[in-house]
Amino acid sequence: MTKLARIAVVAGVLVLPGVGRAQEPSLAAARELYVAAEYTDALTMLNTLAGAGPAKSDQQGIEVYRALCLVALGNQSEATKVIEGIVKSDPFYRPDDADLPPRMRTAFSEARRRLLPSLVQQRYLVAKAAFEQKEYATAAEGFKMVLSGLADPELGLAGSEPPLADLKLLASGFLDLASKAMPPLAPESKPVSTTVAPAIEPDPAGPGGQTGTPPAAGPRIYEASDMSVVPPTTIRQAVPRFSGSLPRGAVAALEVIINENGSVESATMVVPLNPAFDRGVLDAARSWQYRPATVNGTPVKYRKRLQMAVQPPSDR
């Protein structure tokens, strides 16, 4: 292949030149069909995957691509039902705005704005029922999710007016009560030994010959599977053109850690494609910028994964 590689981001997939059709039904194969504008075939494969009880990690991706295909095929009413199903199953799920066409971004925003008030109230009732059953840990998590939902900007003025404004006060109060009612963690007990083991002198230099105490664990890194996190949104995610040869039908994957400032802290090719191409992508990824992920409004670290598929170059 001699033409310059054209890189684009489509619904979380970095697209490269030369995609071939996959034979086995899979989310990756359906993505390739969508990128190749074979929307009917992609939708058929996605419907098969959705009916086969997919893993939770794949379910949202399958539904998002089903909605994309339906929109592309002009079936807006069915696409709206799929989007509403995504929001109902996870009110805190936010697809990356940069990964969706404008019509889909609008549809997701409208669905969340329409459904969030009732979904937040349902979560409150579930959390309150757990509190009344003295399941304080479950209740506390539920009230945290309610407060996170009430802080969602999609709610707009509705979040500051009754009944949601009253719900915020109630959820905060119950969260405080649930947290105080949870029993303290018991100190770890050490088994009593009836034998005396020979003393082992610790290596003062530690593992690897480095002196000092082990480093403390860093902050938690959230992922898409964490329901409490609002994922980062893309500000800058450009990939350089590639002039080398790439195998037709190739697939690669990139993983980035986005810190609390929205900068890429580290980037790794978890499925490499081509040494020169990989280096270019990793160099570019370190300059990408996002609005950071948040939990209850507080910026947190986030692990974002991008899949890359090969797309035929344009004739332009």
Protein backbone atom coordinates (compact mmCIF):
# COMPACT_ATOMS: atom_id res chain seq x y z
CA MET A 1 0.00 0.00 0.00
CA THR A 2 1.58 3.25 -1.12
CA LYS A 3 -0.97 5.91 -0.23
CA LEU A 4 -0.67 7.87 3.01
CA ALA A 5 -2.56 6.26 5.89
CA ARG A 6 -5.59 8.31 6.81
CA ILE A 7 -6.40 8.12 10.51
CA ALA A 8 -9.83 8.90 11.91
CA VAL A 9 -11.64 8.25 15.19
CA VAL A 10 -15.09 6.66 14.84
CA ALA A 11 -16.99 5.69 18.00
CA GLY A 12 -13.87 4.75 19.96
CA VAL A 13 -12.13 3.08 17.03
CA LEU A 14 -9.04 4.56 15.41
CA VAL A 15 -9.49 3.79 11.74
CA LEU A 16 -6.59 3.08 9.40
CA PRO A 17 -6.40 2.29 5.67
CA GLY A 18 -7.26 -1.21 4.26
CA VAL A 19 -9.98 -2.93 6.33
CA GLY A 20 -10.98 -6.43 5.30
CA ARG A 21 -14.27 -8.07 6.23
CA ALA A 22 -14.14 -10.37 9.24
CA GLN A 23 -15.78 -13.79 9.07
CA GLU A 24 -16.47 -14.55 12.73
CA PRO A 25 -19.21 -12.50 14.47
CA SER A 26 -17.56 -10.18 16.98
CA LEU A 27 -17.76 -6.56 18.08
CA ALA A 28 -14.49 -5.83 16.28
CA ALA A 29 -15.84 -7.38 13.06
CA ALA A 30 -19.07 -5.38 13.33
CA ARG A 31 -17.03 -2.20 13.79
CA GLU A 32 -15.11 -2.95 10.63
CA LEU A 33 -18.36 -3.44 8.71
CA TYR A 34 -19.68 -0.13 10.08
CA VAL A 35 -16.49 1.71 9.13
CA ALA A 36 -16.78 0.19 5.63
CA ALA A 37 -20.35 1.63 5.44
CA GLU A 38 -21.88 -1.88 5.31
CA TYR A 39 -24.52 -0.86 7.84
CA THR A 40 -27.07 -3.63 7.20
CA ASP A 41 -24.48 -6.40 7.58
CA ALA A 42 -23.05 -4.69 10.66
CA LEU A 43 -26.51 -4.38 12.24
CA THR A 44 -27.30 -8.04 11.55
CA MET A 45 -24.07 -9.11 13.24
CA LEU A 46 -24.67 -6.77 16.20
CA ASN A 47 -28.22 -8.09 16.68
CA THR A 48 -26.80 -11.61 16.78
CA LEU A 49 -24.21 -10.59 19.36
CA ALA A 50 -26.80 -8.75 21.47
CA GLY A 51 -29.02 -11.84 21.55
CA ALA A 52 -26.18 -14.13 22.61
CA GLY A 53 -25.81 -12.67 26.11
CA PRO A 54 -22.56 -10.71 25.62
CA ALA A 55 -20.14 -9.89 28.42
CA LYS A 56 -20.87 -6.63 30.23
CA SER A 57 -17.63 -5.17 28.89
CA ASP A 58 -18.94 -5.62 25.31
CA GLN A 59 -22.62 -4.90 25.84
CA GLN A 60 -22.45 -1.10 25.76
CA GLY A 61 -20.22 -1.12 22.69
CA ILE A 62 -22.65 -3.43 20.88
CA GLU A 63 -25.61 -1.20 21.71
CA VAL A 64 -23.79 2.00 20.72
CA TYR A 65 -22.91 0.51 17.34
CA ARG A 66 -26.47 -0.76 16.89
CA ALA A 67 -27.67 2.81 17.35
CA LEU A 68 -25.03 4.12 14.94
CA CYS A 69 -26.09 1.62 12.28
CA LEU A 70 -29.79 2.42 12.75
CA VAL A 71 -29.10 6.15 12.39
CA ALA A 72 -27.02 5.49 9.27
CA LEU A 73 -29.90 3.44 7.84
CA GLY A 74 -32.40 6.22 8.59
CA ASN A 75 -34.26 4.34 11.33
CA GLN A 76 -34.18 7.12 13.91
CA SER A 77 -37.09 5.81 16.01
CA GLU A 78 -35.40 2.44 16.64
CA ALA A 79 -32.07 4.18 17.27
CA THR A 80 -33.77 6.32 19.93
CA LYS A 81 -35.12 3.18 21.66
CA VAL A 82 -31.63 1.63 21.68
CA ILE A 83 -30.11 4.83 23.12
CA GLU A 84 -32.80 4.97 25.81
CA GLY A 85 -32.00 1.35 26.69
CA ILE A 86 -28.31 2.25 27.10
CA VAL A 87 -29.16 5.16 29.40
CA LYS A 88 -31.61 3.10 31.45
CA SER A 89 -29.11 0.28 31.97
CA ASP A 90 -26.41 2.73 33.04
CA PRO A 91 -27.55 6.34 33.69
CA PHE A 92 -23.93 7.40 34.20
CA TYR A 93 -22.60 6.07 30.90
CA ARG A 94 -21.31 8.80 28.60
CA PRO A 95 -19.94 7.86 25.18
CA ASP A 96 -17.00 10.00 24.14
CA ASP A 97 -18.47 13.01 22.31
CA ALA A 98 -15.58 13.07 19.86
CA ASP A 99 -16.35 9.47 18.89
CA LEU A 100 -19.96 10.13 17.78
CA PRO A 101 -21.50 12.03 14.87
CA PRO A 102 -23.42 15.19 15.88
CA ARG A 103 -26.84 13.53 15.47
CA MET A 104 -25.89 10.77 17.89
CA ARG A 105 -24.44 13.21 20.42
CA THR A 106 -27.72 15.13 20.36
CA ALA A 107 -29.76 11.94 20.71
CA PHE A 108 -27.74 10.80 23.76
CA SER A 109 -28.03 14.23 25.40
CA GLU A 110 -31.78 14.36 24.83
CA ALA A 111 -32.26 10.82 26.16
CA ARG A 112 -30.23 11.49 29.31
CA ARG A 113 -32.00 14.82 29.90
CA ARG A 114 -35.38 13.12 29.48
CA LEU A 115 -34.66 9.99 31.56
CA LEU A 116 -32.23 11.08 34.29
CA PRO A 117 -34.81 12.65 36.64
CA SER A 118 -36.86 9.44 36.94
CA LEU A 119 -33.77 7.18 36.97
CA VAL A 120 -32.18 9.17 39.80
CA GLN A 121 -35.40 8.95 41.81
CA GLN A 122 -35.51 5.17 41.25
CA ARG A 123 -31.91 4.84 42.45
CA TYR A 124 -32.83 6.84 45.57
CA LEU A 125 -35.73 4.48 46.38
CA VAL A 126 -33.47 1.43 45.96
CA ALA A 127 -30.80 2.98 48.22
CA LYS A 128 -33.39 3.94 50.84
CA ALA A 129 -34.80 0.39 50.84
CA ALA A 130 -31.27 -0.94 51.44
CA PHE A 131 -30.86 1.54 54.31
CA GLU A 132 -34.11 0.37 55.91
CA GLN A 133 -32.86 -3.23 55.63
CA LYS A 134 -29.70 -2.11 57.47
CA GLU A 135 -27.58 -2.89 54.40
CA TYR A 136 -25.58 0.27 55.04
CA ALA A 137 -22.69 -0.33 52.66
CA THR A 138 -25.08 -0.95 49.74
CA ALA A 139 -27.17 2.04 50.76
CA ALA A 140 -24.12 4.32 50.96
CA GLU A 141 -23.04 3.36 47.44
CA GLY A 142 -26.57 3.96 46.19
CA PHE A 143 -26.82 7.42 47.76
CA LYS A 144 -23.42 8.32 46.29
CA MET A 145 -24.74 7.38 42.85
CA VAL A 146 -27.85 9.49 43.43
CA LEU A 147 -25.72 12.52 44.31
CA SER A 148 -23.53 11.89 41.28
CA GLY A 149 -26.62 11.77 39.07
CA LEU A 150 -28.00 14.97 40.58
CA ALA A 151 -24.71 16.72 39.81
CA ASP A 152 -24.90 15.70 36.15
CA PRO A 153 -24.91 18.81 33.91
CA GLU A 154 -27.49 17.16 31.63
CA LEU A 155 -30.13 17.76 34.31
CA GLY A 156 -29.78 21.52 33.94
CA LEU A 157 -32.26 23.54 36.01
CA ALA A 158 -34.24 20.41 36.91
CA GLY A 159 -31.48 19.41 39.33
CA SER A 160 -31.91 22.59 41.37
CA GLU A 161 -35.72 22.50 41.53
CA PRO A 162 -38.15 20.22 43.42
CA PRO A 163 -38.41 17.28 43.59
CA LEU A 164 -34.74 16.71 42.68
CA ALA A 165 -33.44 19.54 44.88
CA ASP A 166 -35.20 17.94 47.87
CA LEU A 167 -33.81 14.56 46.86
CA LYS A 168 -30.27 15.94 47.04
CA LEU A 169 -30.80 17.02 50.65
CA LEU A 170 -32.34 13.66 51.60
CA ALA A 171 -29.65 11.61 49.84
CA SER A 172 -26.88 13.62 51.54
CA GLY A 173 -28.47 13.05 54.94
CA PHE A 174 -28.99 9.33 54.43
CA LEU A 175 -25.46 8.94 53.06
CA ASP A 176 -24.09 10.48 56.25
CA LEU A 177 -26.26 8.20 58.40
CA ALA A 178 -25.33 5.09 56.39
CA SER A 179 -21.63 5.90 56.56
CA LYS A 180 -21.77 6.33 60.32
CA ALA A 181 -23.81 3.14 60.75
CA MET A 182 -21.34 0.95 58.87
CA PRO A 183 -19.24 -1.11 61.30
CA PRO A 184 -15.56 -0.21 61.35
CA LEU A 185 -13.22 -2.54 59.57
CA ALA A 186 -11.85 -5.13 61.97
CA PRO A 187 -8.07 -5.13 62.33
CA GLU A 188 -6.43 -7.95 60.47
CA SER A 189 -5.78 -10.81 62.85
CA LYS A 190 -2.49 -12.62 62.72
CA PRO A 191 -2.47 -16.41 63.06
CA VAL A 192 -0.77 -17.77 66.15
CA SER A 193 2.07 -20.12 65.30
CA THR A 194 3.06 -22.99 67.57
CA THR A 195 6.42 -23.36 65.88
CA VAL A 196 9.36 -21.04 65.68
CA ALA A 197 10.52 -20.32 62.17
CA PRO A 198 14.15 -19.40 61.56
CA ALA A 199 14.68 -15.67 61.36
CA ILE A 200 15.29 -14.25 57.89
CA GLU A 201 17.24 -11.05 57.76
CA PRO A 202 15.57 -8.53 55.42
CA ASP A 203 17.65 -7.19 52.57
CA PRO A 204 18.32 -3.53 53.53
CA ALA A 205 18.55 -2.63 49.88
CA GLY A 206 15.12 -4.08 49.13
CA PRO A 207 14.12 -5.70 45.82
CA GLY A 208 16.40 -4.78 42.97
CA GLY A 209 19.05 -3.41 45.33
CA GLN A 210 17.24 -0.10 45.99
CA THR A 211 17.38 1.20 49.53
CA GLY A 212 14.22 2.47 51.20
CA THR A 213 10.64 1.50 52.01
CA PRO A 214 8.28 0.28 49.27
CA PRO A 215 6.45 3.12 47.51
CA ALA A 216 2.88 3.82 48.56
CA ALA A 217 0.10 2.76 46.23
CA GLY A 218 -0.89 5.47 43.78
CA PRO A 219 -4.40 6.85 43.21
CA ARG A 220 -7.02 4.50 41.82
CA ILE A 221 -7.31 4.28 38.04
CA TYR A 222 -10.93 4.11 36.91
CA GLU A 223 -12.26 2.35 33.79
CA ALA A 224 -15.43 2.28 31.71
CA SER A 225 -16.78 -0.59 33.85
CA ASP A 226 -16.85 1.66 36.96
CA MET A 227 -20.44 2.92 37.16
CA SER A 228 -19.55 5.82 39.46
CA VAL A 229 -17.16 7.50 37.01
CA VAL A 230 -17.98 10.05 34.33
CA PRO A 231 -15.51 9.21 31.52
CA PRO A 232 -13.19 11.85 30.04
CA THR A 233 -14.23 13.78 26.95
CA THR A 234 -11.85 14.45 24.09
CA ILE A 235 -10.30 17.86 23.49
CA ARG A 236 -7.44 16.80 21.23
CA GLN A 237 -6.86 13.28 19.90
CA ALA A 238 -5.13 13.62 16.53
CA VAL A 239 -3.15 10.75 15.00
CA PRO A 240 -0.38 11.46 12.45
CA ARG A 241 -0.50 10.19 8.88
CA PHE A 242 1.50 7.05 8.17
CA SER A 243 3.30 6.59 4.85
CA GLY A 244 4.44 3.00 5.36
CA SER A 245 2.76 -0.26 4.41
CA LEU A 246 0.05 -1.74 6.63
CA PRO A 247 -1.45 -5.23 6.21
CA ARG A 248 -5.02 -5.33 4.98
CA GLY A 249 -7.50 -6.22 7.74
CA ALA A 250 -5.00 -5.45 10.52
CA VAL A 251 -6.26 -4.56 13.99
CA ALA A 252 -4.33 -2.89 16.81
CA ALA A 253 -5.18 -1.45 20.23
CA LEU A 254 -3.87 1.42 22.31
CA GLU A 255 -4.31 2.06 26.02
CA VAL A 256 -3.75 5.46 27.63
CA ILE A 257 -3.84 6.58 31.26
CA ILE A 258 -5.42 10.03 31.52
CA ASN A 259 -4.51 11.89 34.70
CA GLU A 260 -6.55 14.28 36.81
CA ASN A 261 -5.51 17.22 34.60
CA GLY A 262 -6.73 15.54 31.41
CA SER A 263 -3.21 14.86 30.12
CA VAL A 264 -1.99 11.47 28.95
CA GLU A 265 0.28 10.11 31.66
CA SER A 266 1.25 6.96 29.79
CA ALA A 267 0.45 5.25 26.51
CA THR A 268 0.89 1.58 25.59
CA MET A 269 0.26 -0.40 22.44
CA VAL A 270 -1.52 -3.42 23.92
CA VAL A 271 -1.93 -4.90 20.43
CA PRO A 272 0.96 -3.60 18.25
CA LEU A 273 0.61 -3.22 14.51
CA ASN A 274 3.86 -1.98 12.97
CA PRO A 275 7.00 -0.74 14.82
CA ALA A 276 7.19 2.58 12.96
CA PHE A 277 3.45 3.13 13.12
CA ASP A 278 3.34 2.19 16.82
CA ARG A 279 6.07 4.72 17.65
CA GLY A 280 4.20 7.47 15.80
CA VAL A 281 0.94 6.72 17.57
CA LEU A 282 2.57 6.59 21.01
CA ASP A 283 4.41 9.87 20.42
CA ALA A 284 1.17 11.52 19.32
CA ALA A 285 -0.86 10.03 22.18
CA ARG A 286 1.33 11.71 24.80
CA SER A 287 0.19 15.11 23.52
CA TRP A 288 -3.53 14.26 23.54
CA GLN A 289 -5.72 16.29 25.87
CA TYR A 290 -9.06 15.50 27.53
CA ARG A 291 -11.47 16.92 30.04
CA PRO A 292 -10.62 14.58 32.92
CA ALA A 293 -12.86 11.81 34.20
CA THR A 294 -14.70 12.65 37.41
CA VAL A 295 -16.28 10.87 40.35
CA ASN A 296 -18.78 13.01 42.25
CA GLY A 297 -17.30 16.03 40.48
CA THR A 298 -13.71 15.26 41.50
CA PRO A 299 -11.16 14.64 38.70
CA VAL A 300 -9.69 11.11 38.75
CA LYS A 301 -7.30 8.99 36.71
CA TYR A 302 -8.86 6.96 33.92
CA ARG A 303 -7.75 4.09 31.67
CA LYS A 304 -9.03 4.61 28.11
CA ARG A 305 -8.72 1.97 25.39
CA LEU A 306 -8.88 2.62 21.66
CA GLN A 307 -9.08 -0.05 19.01
CA MET A 308 -7.58 0.51 15.57
CA ALA A 309 -8.82 -1.06 12.36
CA VAL A 310 -7.49 -0.71 8.82
CA GLN A 311 -9.64 1.22 6.33
CA PRO A 312 -9.20 1.50 2.56
CA PRO A 313 -7.62 4.86 1.64
CA SER A 314 -9.87 7.45 0.05
CA ASP A 315 -9.51 8.20 -3.65
CA ARG A 316 -8.91 11.85 -2.95
